[in-house]
Amino acid sequence: MKFKLSFIVFAVFWLTAFLSPAVAAESGLEAAMSMQQAFVDVARSLKPSVVNIQVEKTVSAGIRWSNPSGGDPDNEFEDFFKHFFRGPRRFSPEEFKTQAAGSGLIINSDGTILTNNHVVKDASKIKVKLHDGSELDAEIIGQDPQTDLAVIRVKSEKALKAAEFADSDKVEAGQWSIAVGNPLGLEQTVTVGVVSAVGRSGIGASAIEDFIQTDASINPGNSGGPLVNLNAKVIGINTLIFNAPGSGIGFAIPSNMASRIASQIASGGKVERPYIGISMQAVTDELAGHFGLKDRDGAVVMDTAEDAPADKAGIRAMDIIRKIDDRLMKSTNDVQKYILSRGVGSSVDIEVLRNGKKETYKVTLEQMPDNYGLSPAESVQTPSKRKGDMGQLEEFGFRLQKLTPEMARSLGITGSAGVVVTNVRSGSPADKAGLKSGDVITQINGVEIQEESEAENALKEGGRNNSSVFLVNRSGTPMFLVIQSETKD
């Protein structure tokens, strides 16, 4: 009996010592094959829901600066410009088309598609290519530049397959993430990585930031495509590459934010978004030490927008927001997320630390203005509906605002001479000539422009042959534009 027991022990030892590596290797291979199949299933499942977006934009070169010694002295245009502007010498009114590409995600079987705003911004024509190769024209339903999201729609004879959204609040660093899209024009590409971090903000890519960071390879053309989990459910919309393509740092808009905004745009064309009107930064060690704080929880108010809810309630710069509705705010991201989760018209109690003392202010949330947090060039422009008080500017189809030094810096120009274009009406003479939001007008018909009234007078009195000549500064580059006035019957 004792011999039998020893033999059994020896046999078990031998099997463990010599067979377990083979068994383990086989088990590991099975696990790897299972993971591989999971990726294959995700790619196969998402393929019908991811589209390629081709965008066409029309750009007018207008009249640009050239070498003063390179002109034709007999050219009447050059004599005209020399008389008025004493510098530029070359007229090149050509208009050309540019193309761009991105990705999109079908979110409703009726052809509703979610993508990035920067993919379709300023598009004159949009085509969507489905997974089966068919191409359809698309129209923009609505845009939200604050989050860089837009919704477009195609008309399809057959129902399209909509993707499913996951709860992005449950996404954690370390879990698998799969990016699907059309990077560099290569359709239906799948890349795999992990979620590197959640709640990323302060990057400066958009007015509202709460990104999922991933190391799944994201390249130009991936924008607007989905970032998904192993269940083929969307956890984010790929939107941003940090520094160079392939750097291993990409960002996606969380699915909860994206789906909420997409639903509002699809149903009403716009987004209802509460705001309090402040700019914030994190609590630094120096600030915490100055006020004797034991932690760095909260957000420092750097500025309040005039007549915004926070300003009306009495919140000031250098207040440190510690709590909202008795909830601890550990960061600027916490403040932003909590305010955005509330409804327009509701009130919140904001506890701040002011000069070391606690103060509480009741703030009534208002609808965020369409251009809040955006430079004029980033704003989505809509046709003007004001009548009677715009005169020549209304006729030409644009609006102006006095240029401030801060705006000049944001637009990449030196000095603060001129007026900035804040709105260009679609299809107007200004639009046809290539004038854009964010352009700084410094002269009209040879007259220096510093105020809106000066622009009105210059257009009214200085026009020639039913046209006016504009000298504009676009992102630091001066150029001429000739804008034809609308002929009246």
Foldseek 3Di string as FASTA:
>chain_A
DVVVVVVVVVVVVCCCVPVVVVVVVVVVVVVVVVVVVLLVVLLVVQQQFKKKKKFKAKFWPFFAADDPPPADPVDPVQVLCCVQPVGGRGGDGDMDMDMAMAMWGAAFQQFKIKFFQVNHPRTPWMWIAGSVGDIFTKDWLAHAQQLRMTIIGTGDPGGTDGAAADQLVPFAWPAKKKQFWQAPNNHGDIFIWTFHHWQDDPPPPHNDDTKTKTLGFDHGRSGHTFIDHSVSHGQFGWHADDDDGNPSITITHGPVVRVQQSVCCVVPNGDFFWDQAFDWAWQDPVNCVVLVHPARAFIFTQQGDPPGQCVVQPDGGRWTFQDKQNHGGRGPSSVRVVRRVDGQQDWIWTWTQDSNDIDITITHIHGDDQCPPHQLQSGDAEFDDDDDPLAPCVQQFWDWAAFDPVSCVVQQAPDRFAIFTNHGYPPGLCVVQRDGGSKGWQDKLSDGDRDSVVVNCSSVPRDDPQWMKTWIAGNHGTGITIGGGDDDD
